[in-house]
PDB file of N, CA and C in Angstrom:
ATOM      1  N   MET A   1      39.611 -68.209-188.737  1.00  0.00           N
ATOM      2  CA  MET A   1      38.705 -69.008-189.537  1.00  0.00           C
ATOM      3  C   MET A   1      38.251 -70.174-188.680  1.00  0.00           C
ATOM      4  N   SER A   2      36.961 -70.395-188.621  1.00  0.00           N
ATOM      5  CA  SER A   2      36.462 -71.522-187.847  1.00  0.00           C
ATOM      6  C   SER A   2      36.624 -72.807-188.635  1.00  0.00           C
ATOM      7  N   ASP A   3      36.682 -73.923-187.910  1.00  0.00           N
ATOM      8  CA  ASP A   3      36.899 -75.219-188.560  1.00  0.00           C
ATOM      9  C   ASP A   3      35.839 -75.524-189.610  1.00  0.00           C
ATOM     10  N   GLY A   4      34.617 -75.084-189.397  1.00  0.00           N
ATOM     11  CA  GLY A   4      33.546 -75.357-190.342  1.00  0.00           C
ATOM     12  C   GLY A   4      33.717 -74.655-191.674  1.00  0.00           C
ATOM     13  N   ASN A   5      34.511 -73.605-191.717  1.00  0.00           N
ATOM     14  CA  ASN A   5      34.673 -72.829-192.947  1.00  0.00           C
ATOM     15  C   ASN A   5      35.947 -73.159-193.707  1.00  0.00           C
ATOM     16  N   ILE A   6      36.745 -74.074-193.205  1.00  0.00           N
ATOM     17  CA  ILE A   6      38.023 -74.369-193.851  1.00  0.00           C
ATOM     18  C   ILE A   6      37.827 -74.888-195.268  1.00  0.00           C
ATOM     19  N   LYS A   7      36.900 -75.803-195.452  1.00  0.00           N
ATOM     20  CA  LYS A   7      36.676 -76.340-196.796  1.00  0.00           C
ATOM     21  C   LYS A   7      36.220 -75.256-197.762  1.00  0.00           C
ATOM     22  N   LEU A   8      35.310 -74.404-197.307  1.00  0.00           N
ATOM     23  CA  LEU A   8      34.834 -73.332-198.176  1.00  0.00           C
ATOM     24  C   LEU A   8      35.947 -72.346-198.503  1.00  0.00           C
ATOM     25  N   GLU A   9      36.756 -72.014-197.510  1.00  0.00           N
ATOM     26  CA  GLU A   9      37.860 -71.084-197.749  1.00  0.00           C
ATOM     27  C   GLU A   9      38.899 -71.708-198.674  1.00  0.00           C
ATOM     28  N   ALA A  10      39.170 -73.003-198.504  1.00  0.00           N
ATOM     29  CA  ALA A  10      40.111 -73.694-199.396  1.00  0.00           C
ATOM     30  C   ALA A  10      39.588 -73.676-200.828  1.00  0.00           C
ATOM     31  N   GLN A  11      38.307 -73.887-200.998  1.00  0.00           N
ATOM     32  CA  GLN A  11      37.716 -73.832-202.339  1.00  0.00           C
ATOM     33  C   GLN A  11      37.866 -72.437-202.938  1.00  0.00           C
ATOM     34  N   ARG A  12      37.651 -71.409-202.123  1.00  0.00           N
ATOM     35  CA  ARG A  12      37.790 -70.039-202.615  1.00  0.00           C
ATOM     36  C   ARG A  12      39.227 -69.755-203.033  1.00  0.00           C
ATOM     37  N   ILE A  13      40.184 -70.227-202.221  1.00  0.00           N
ATOM     38  CA  ILE A  13      41.594 -70.028-202.551  1.00  0.00           C
ATOM     39  C   ILE A  13      41.914 -70.703-203.881  1.00  0.00           C
ATOM     40  N   ILE A  14      41.444 -71.923-204.064  1.00  0.00           N
ATOM     41  CA  ILE A  14      41.691 -72.662-205.301  1.00  0.00           C
ATOM     42  C   ILE A  14      41.052 -71.959-206.484  1.00  0.00           C
ATOM     43  N   GLU A  15      39.816 -71.513-206.320  1.00  0.00           N
ATOM     44  CA  GLU A  15      39.129 -70.832-207.425  1.00  0.00           C
ATOM     45  C   GLU A  15      39.806 -69.530-207.813  1.00  0.00           C
ATOM     46  N   ASP A  16      40.469 -68.874-206.859  1.00  0.00           N
ATOM     47  CA  ASP A  16      41.139 -67.605-207.142  1.00  0.00           C
ATOM     48  C   ASP A  16      42.507 -67.776-207.806  1.00  0.00           C
ATOM     49  N   LEU A  17      43.016 -69.004-207.842  1.00  0.00           N
ATOM     50  CA  LEU A  17      44.314 -69.240-208.477  1.00  0.00           C
ATOM     51  C   LEU A  17      44.208 -69.072-209.991  1.00  0.00           C
ATOM     52  N   PRO A  18      45.256 -68.582-210.618  1.00  0.00           N
ATOM     53  CA  PRO A  18      45.241 -68.527-212.082  1.00  0.00           C
ATOM     54  C   PRO A  18      45.296 -69.939-212.667  1.00  0.00           C
ATOM     55  N   GLU A  19      44.901 -70.070-213.904  1.00  0.00           N
ATOM     56  CA  GLU A  19      44.844 -71.391-214.554  1.00  0.00           C
ATOM     57  C   GLU A  19      46.202 -72.084-214.598  1.00  0.00           C
ATOM     58  N   ASN A  20      47.273 -71.314-214.654  1.00  0.00           N
ATOM     59  CA  ASN A  20      48.606 -71.909-214.761  1.00  0.00           C
ATOM     60  C   ASN A  20      49.301 -72.055-213.398  1.00  0.00           C
ATOM     61  N   ALA A  21      48.519 -72.026-212.309  1.00  0.00           N
ATOM     62  CA  ALA A  21      49.089 -72.123-210.965  1.00  0.00           C
ATOM     63  C   ALA A  21      49.740 -73.484-210.747  1.00  0.00           C
ATOM     64  N   THR A  22      50.757 -73.464-209.893  1.00  0.00           N
ATOM     65  CA  THR A  22      51.457 -74.699-209.541  1.00  0.00           C
ATOM     66  C   THR A  22      51.028 -75.144-208.142  1.00  0.00           C
ATOM     67  N   TRP A  23      51.449 -76.357-207.776  1.00  0.00           N
ATOM     68  CA  TRP A  23      51.200 -76.828-206.416  1.00  0.00           C
ATOM     69  C   TRP A  23      51.857 -75.880-205.414  1.00  0.00           C
ATOM     70  N   GLU A  24      53.035 -75.374-205.769  1.00  0.00           N
ATOM     71  CA  GLU A  24      53.727 -74.435-204.884  1.00  0.00           C
ATOM     72  C   GLU A  24      52.910 -73.162-204.674  1.00  0.00           C
ATOM     73  N   ASP A  25      52.268 -72.672-205.734  1.00  0.00           N
ATOM     74  CA  ASP A  25      51.408 -71.493-205.614  1.00  0.00           C
ATOM     75  C   ASP A  25      50.281 -71.759-204.619  1.00  0.00           C
ATOM     76  N   LEU A  26      49.658 -72.907-204.739  1.00  0.00           N
ATOM     77  CA  LEU A  26      48.563 -73.263-203.842  1.00  0.00           C
ATOM     78  C   LEU A  26      49.052 -73.393-202.407  1.00  0.00           C
ATOM     79  N   MET A  27      50.155 -74.095-202.214  1.00  0.00           N
ATOM     80  CA  MET A  27      50.683 -74.284-200.862  1.00  0.00           C
ATOM     81  C   MET A  27      51.078 -72.950-200.235  1.00  0.00           C
ATOM     82  N   TYR A  28      51.647 -72.060-201.038  1.00  0.00           N
ATOM     83  CA  TYR A  28      52.043 -70.746-200.530  1.00  0.00           C
ATOM     84  C   TYR A  28      50.829 -69.961-200.065  1.00  0.00           C
ATOM     85  N   ARG A  29      49.771 -69.962-200.853  1.00  0.00           N
ATOM     86  CA  ARG A  29      48.573 -69.201-200.475  1.00  0.00           C
ATOM     87  C   ARG A  29      47.919 -69.774-199.218  1.00  0.00           C
ATOM     88  N   ILE A  30      47.919 -71.093-199.104  1.00  0.00           N
ATOM     89  CA  ILE A  30      47.377 -71.714-197.897  1.00  0.00           C
ATOM     90  C   ILE A  30      48.250 -71.352-196.696  1.00  0.00           C
ATOM     91  N   TYR A  31      49.566 -71.406-196.871  1.00  0.00           N
ATOM     92  CA  TYR A  31      50.494 -71.052-195.793  1.00  0.00           C
ATOM     93  C   TYR A  31      50.284 -69.610-195.340  1.00  0.00           C
ATOM     94  N   VAL A  32      50.181 -68.688-196.287  1.00  0.00           N
ATOM     95  CA  VAL A  32      49.999 -67.279-195.950  1.00  0.00           C
ATOM     96  C   VAL A  32      48.688 -67.091-195.202  1.00  0.00           C
ATOM     97  N   ARG A  33      47.636 -67.738-195.677  1.00  0.00           N
ATOM     98  CA  ARG A  33      46.334 -67.617-195.006  1.00  0.00           C
ATOM     99  C   ARG A  33      46.419 -68.127-193.574  1.00  0.00           C
ATOM    100  N   GLN A  34      47.068 -69.270-193.375  1.00  0.00           N
ATOM    101  CA  GLN A  34      47.207 -69.848-192.038  1.00  0.00           C
ATOM    102  C   GLN A  34      48.036 -68.932-191.141  1.00  0.00           C
ATOM    103  N   ALA A  35      49.103 -68.358-191.677  1.00  0.00           N
ATOM    104  CA  ALA A  35      49.954 -67.466-190.894  1.00  0.00           C
ATOM    105  C   ALA A  35      49.187 -66.212-190.465  1.00  0.00           C
ATOM    106  N   ILE A  36      48.372 -65.682-191.341  1.00  0.00           N
ATOM    107  CA  ILE A  36      47.555 -64.515-191.010  1.00  0.00           C
ATOM    108  C   ILE A  36      46.565 -64.870-189.910  1.00  0.00           C
ATOM    109  N   GLU A  37      45.890 -66.010-190.063  1.00  0.00           N
ATOM    110  CA  GLU A  37      44.932 -66.452-189.046  1.00  0.00           C
ATOM    111  C   GLU A  37      45.610 -66.622-187.691  1.00  0.00           C
ATOM    112  N   ALA A  38      46.802 -67.214-187.678  1.00  0.00           N
ATOM    113  CA  ALA A  38      47.535 -67.413-186.421  1.00  0.00           C
ATOM    114  C   ALA A  38      47.908 -66.068-185.803  1.00  0.00           C
ATOM    115  N   GLY A  39      48.336 -65.122-186.623  1.00  0.00           N
ATOM    116  CA  GLY A  39      48.682 -63.795-186.125  1.00  0.00           C
ATOM    117  C   GLY A  39      47.483 -63.062-185.541  1.00  0.00           C
ATOM    118  N   LEU A  40      46.348 -63.175-186.205  1.00  0.00           N
ATOM    119  CA  LEU A  40      45.135 -62.552-185.684  1.00  0.00           C
ATOM    120  C   LEU A  40      44.723 -63.170-184.356  1.00  0.00           C
ATOM    121  N   GLU A  41      44.842 -64.482-184.251  1.00  0.00           N
ATOM    122  CA  GLU A  41      44.520 -65.157-182.995  1.00  0.00           C
ATOM    123  C   GLU A  41      45.473 -64.702-181.889  1.00  0.00           C
ATOM    124  N   ASP A  42      46.768 -64.609-182.191  1.00  0.00           N
ATOM    125  CA  ASP A  42      47.738 -64.119-181.214  1.00  0.00           C
ATOM    126  C   ASP A  42      47.355 -62.723-180.730  1.00  0.00           C
ATOM    127  N   PHE A  43      46.959 -61.873-181.649  1.00  0.00           N
ATOM    128  CA  PHE A  43      46.569 -60.514-181.296  1.00  0.00           C
ATOM    129  C   PHE A  43      45.350 -60.518-180.375  1.00  0.00           C
ATOM    130  N   GLU A  44      44.367 -61.346-180.717  1.00  0.00           N
ATOM    131  CA  GLU A  44      43.133 -61.384-179.938  1.00  0.00           C
ATOM    132  C   GLU A  44      43.363 -61.826-178.495  1.00  0.00           C
ATOM    133  N   VAL A  45      44.326 -62.707-178.269  1.00  0.00           N
ATOM    134  CA  VAL A  45      44.566 -63.195-176.906  1.00  0.00           C
ATOM    135  C   VAL A  45      45.730 -62.472-176.229  1.00  0.00           C
ATOM    136  N   GLY A  46      46.279 -61.453-176.883  1.00  0.00           N
ATOM    137  CA  GLY A  46      47.299 -60.634-176.252  1.00  0.00           C
ATOM    138  C   GLY A  46      48.719 -61.158-176.351  1.00  0.00           C
ATOM    139  N   ARG A  47      48.986 -62.064-177.282  1.00  0.00           N
ATOM    140  CA  ARG A  47      50.360 -62.572-177.467  1.00  0.00           C
ATOM    141  C   ARG A  47      51.083 -61.709-178.485  1.00  0.00           C
ATOM    142  N   THR A  48      51.298 -60.451-178.110  1.00  0.00           N
ATOM    143  CA  THR A  48      51.981 -59.518-179.008  1.00  0.00           C
ATOM    144  C   THR A  48      53.019 -58.728-178.230  1.00  0.00           C
ATOM    145  N   LEU A  49      53.925 -58.117-178.951  1.00  0.00           N
ATOM    146  CA  LEU A  49      54.932 -57.234-178.377  1.00  0.00           C
ATOM    147  C   LEU A  49      54.863 -55.913-179.118  1.00  0.00           C
ATOM    148  N   ASP A  50      55.085 -54.832-178.398  1.00  0.00           N
ATOM    149  CA  ASP A  50      55.142 -53.560-179.111  1.00  0.00           C
ATOM    150  C   ASP A  50      56.547 -53.375-179.686  1.00  0.00           C
ATOM    151  N   THR A  51      56.698 -52.377-180.524  1.00  0.00           N
ATOM    152  CA  THR A  51      57.952 -52.150-181.236  1.00  0.00           C
ATOM    153  C   THR A  51      59.126 -51.975-180.285  1.00  0.00           C
ATOM    154  N   GLN A  52      58.919 -51.253-179.200  1.00  0.00           N
ATOM    155  CA  GLN A  52      60.000 -51.028-178.237  1.00  0.00           C
ATOM    156  C   GLN A  52      60.499 -52.342-177.637  1.00  0.00           C
ATOM    157  N   GLU A  53      59.573 -53.257-177.317  1.00  0.00           N
ATOM    158  CA  GLU A  53      59.962 -54.548-176.749  1.00  0.00           C
ATOM    159  C   GLU A  53      60.766 -55.381-177.746  1.00  0.00           C
ATOM    160  N   VAL A  54      60.354 -55.367-178.987  1.00  0.00           N
ATOM    161  CA  VAL A  54      61.073 -56.118-180.018  1.00  0.00           C
ATOM    162  C   VAL A  54      62.471 -55.548-180.204  1.00  0.00           C
ATOM    163  N   ARG A  55      62.573 -54.234-180.287  1.00  0.00           N
ATOM    164  CA  ARG A  55      63.884 -53.597-180.442  1.00  0.00           C
ATOM    165  C   ARG A  55      64.805 -53.937-179.274  1.00  0.00           C
ATOM    166  N   ALA A  56      64.261 -53.913-178.058  1.00  0.00           N
ATOM    167  CA  ALA A  56      65.058 -54.222-176.878  1.00  0.00           C
ATOM    168  C   ALA A  56      65.543 -55.682-176.917  1.00  0.00           C
ATOM    169  N   ARG A  57      64.665 -56.588-177.291  1.00  0.00           N
ATOM    170  CA  ARG A  57      65.033 -58.016-177.350  1.00  0.00           C
ATOM    171  C   ARG A  57      66.149 -58.278-178.349  1.00  0.00           C
ATOM    172  N   PHE A  58      66.154 -57.554-179.457  1.00  0.00           N
ATOM    173  CA  PHE A  58      67.143 -57.783-180.496  1.00  0.00           C
ATOM    174  C   PHE A  58      68.304 -56.799-180.431  1.00  0.00           C
ATOM    175  N   GLY A  59      68.334 -55.990-179.396  1.00  0.00           N
ATOM    176  CA  GLY A  59      69.424 -55.047-179.223  1.00  0.00           C
ATOM    177  C   GLY A  59      69.472 -53.977-180.284  1.00  0.00           C
ATOM    178  N   LEU A  60      68.326 -53.587-180.797  1.00  0.00           N
ATOM    179  CA  LEU A  60      68.257 -52.553-181.829  1.00  0.00           C
ATOM    180  C   LEU A  60      68.054 -51.189-181.195  1.00  0.00           C
ATOM    181  N   PRO A  61      68.521 -50.140-181.861  1.00  0.00           N
ATOM    182  CA  PRO A  61      68.306 -48.798-181.299  1.00  0.00           C
ATOM    183  C   PRO A  61      66.808 -48.447-181.295  1.00  0.00           C
ATOM    184  N   THR A  62      66.433 -47.679-180.305  1.00  0.00           N
ATOM    185  CA  THR A  62      65.018 -47.311-180.192  1.00  0.00           C
ATOM    186  C   THR A  62      64.688 -46.022-180.848  1.00  0.00           C
TER     187      THR A  62
END
């Protein structure tokens, strides 16, 4: 999400909340959106690991 669209996206997130939403509901949705954006950016610049690398790092069977 580009910086210019943050306000519009925040408004959309707020409008999509149910009427009985809490502050926690809003913060959670903003957090999830930010985490997704960060993950997409990581993917675009190649900051990812394949499954085999993750398994090896954590000592999991392949």
